[in-house]
Amino acid sequence: MIDISRGRGGMKLAKSLEEITLYDVYKAVDCVNGNLFHFHENPNPKCPVGKNIHSALDGSLLEIQKTFEDKLKSITVNEIAEKI
């Protein structure tokens, strides 16, 4: 997204604001590595909730993450800049 070169004024956007989506920014700052939702990483298999929590929620949470990321892909940085 950014071109950097040595010297004065050596940084500029590689694309126009209309071409950069919020998804691009989201991925560039690497705020999420893989799945957006992380919880109960090591549930106790003897616990009735723990042994079923991932099978009950993981599919829905992945669907929510996809919806979120698709929405980010539909909004450009230019749209945000125009609101400012």
Protein backbone atom coordinates (compact mmCIF):
# COMPACT_ATOMS: atom_id res chain seq x y z
CA MET A 1 0.00 0.00 0.00
CA ILE A 2 2.92 2.33 0.63
CA ASP A 3 5.98 3.03 -1.52
CA ILE A 4 9.01 4.12 0.46
CA SER A 5 12.21 5.52 -0.98
CA ARG A 6 15.21 7.22 0.57
CA GLY A 7 15.40 10.93 0.84
CA ARG A 8 13.02 13.77 1.37
CA GLY A 9 9.37 12.98 0.92
CA GLY A 10 10.19 9.35 0.37
CA MET A 11 6.82 7.89 1.27
CA LYS A 12 3.62 7.80 -0.80
CA LEU A 13 0.61 5.61 -1.31
CA ALA A 14 1.11 2.88 -3.90
CA LYS A 15 -2.58 2.99 -4.80
CA SER A 16 -5.24 5.66 -4.82
CA LEU A 17 -7.58 5.98 -1.85
CA GLU A 18 -10.35 4.59 -4.07
CA GLU A 19 -8.34 1.38 -4.57
CA ILE A 20 -7.50 0.75 -0.90
CA THR A 21 -10.18 -0.97 1.12
CA LEU A 22 -10.54 -1.24 4.87
CA TYR A 23 -9.80 -4.93 4.40
CA ASP A 24 -6.41 -4.00 2.90
CA VAL A 25 -5.64 -1.90 5.98
CA TYR A 26 -6.95 -4.61 8.31
CA LYS A 27 -4.61 -7.17 6.73
CA ALA A 28 -1.67 -4.75 6.53
CA VAL A 29 -1.66 -4.04 10.25
CA ASP A 30 -1.95 -7.78 10.93
CA CYS A 31 -4.29 -7.29 13.88
CA VAL A 32 -5.68 -10.78 13.37
CA ASN A 33 -3.54 -13.79 12.63
CA GLY A 34 -5.95 -16.39 11.28
CA ASN A 35 -9.26 -16.49 13.08
CA LEU A 36 -10.79 -13.37 14.55
CA PHE A 37 -12.27 -15.27 17.49
CA HIS A 38 -10.03 -17.13 19.93
CA PHE A 39 -11.49 -18.61 23.05
CA HIS A 40 -11.23 -21.61 25.31
CA GLU A 41 -8.12 -22.89 23.54
CA ASN A 42 -7.77 -26.02 25.70
CA PRO A 43 -11.21 -27.07 26.86
CA ASN A 44 -11.49 -29.93 29.29
CA PRO A 45 -12.89 -32.93 27.38
CA LYS A 46 -14.67 -34.03 30.57
CA CYS A 47 -16.55 -30.73 30.81
CA PRO A 48 -19.97 -30.89 29.08
CA VAL A 49 -19.58 -27.31 27.83
CA GLY A 50 -15.86 -27.49 27.08
CA LYS A 51 -16.07 -30.64 25.01
CA ASN A 52 -18.84 -29.16 22.81
CA ILE A 53 -18.09 -25.44 22.72
CA HIS A 54 -16.06 -25.46 19.51
CA SER A 55 -18.40 -27.71 17.57
CA ALA A 56 -21.27 -25.49 18.69
CA LEU A 57 -19.69 -22.11 17.89
CA ASP A 58 -16.81 -22.40 15.42
CA GLY A 59 -18.92 -22.56 12.26
CA SER A 60 -21.00 -19.54 13.26
CA LEU A 61 -17.93 -17.55 14.29
CA LEU A 62 -16.20 -18.28 10.97
CA GLU A 63 -19.33 -17.12 9.16
CA ILE A 64 -19.35 -13.91 11.22
CA GLN A 65 -15.68 -13.34 10.43
CA LYS A 66 -16.29 -13.82 6.70
CA THR A 67 -19.22 -11.36 6.79
CA PHE A 68 -17.06 -8.84 8.66
CA GLU A 69 -14.17 -9.21 6.19
CA ASP A 70 -16.50 -8.99 3.18
CA LYS A 71 -17.91 -5.74 4.56
CA LEU A 72 -14.38 -4.36 5.03
CA LYS A 73 -13.67 -5.23 1.38
CA SER A 74 -16.66 -3.14 0.31
CA ILE A 75 -15.52 0.11 1.96
CA THR A 76 -12.67 2.18 0.56
CA VAL A 77 -10.37 4.47 2.47
CA ASN A 78 -11.63 7.24 0.20
CA GLU A 79 -15.18 6.74 1.51
CA ILE A 80 -13.88 7.26 5.05
CA ALA A 81 -11.75 10.25 4.01
CA GLU A 82 -14.80 11.91 2.43
CA LYS A 83 -16.65 11.63 5.75
CA ILE A 84 -13.83 13.36 7.59
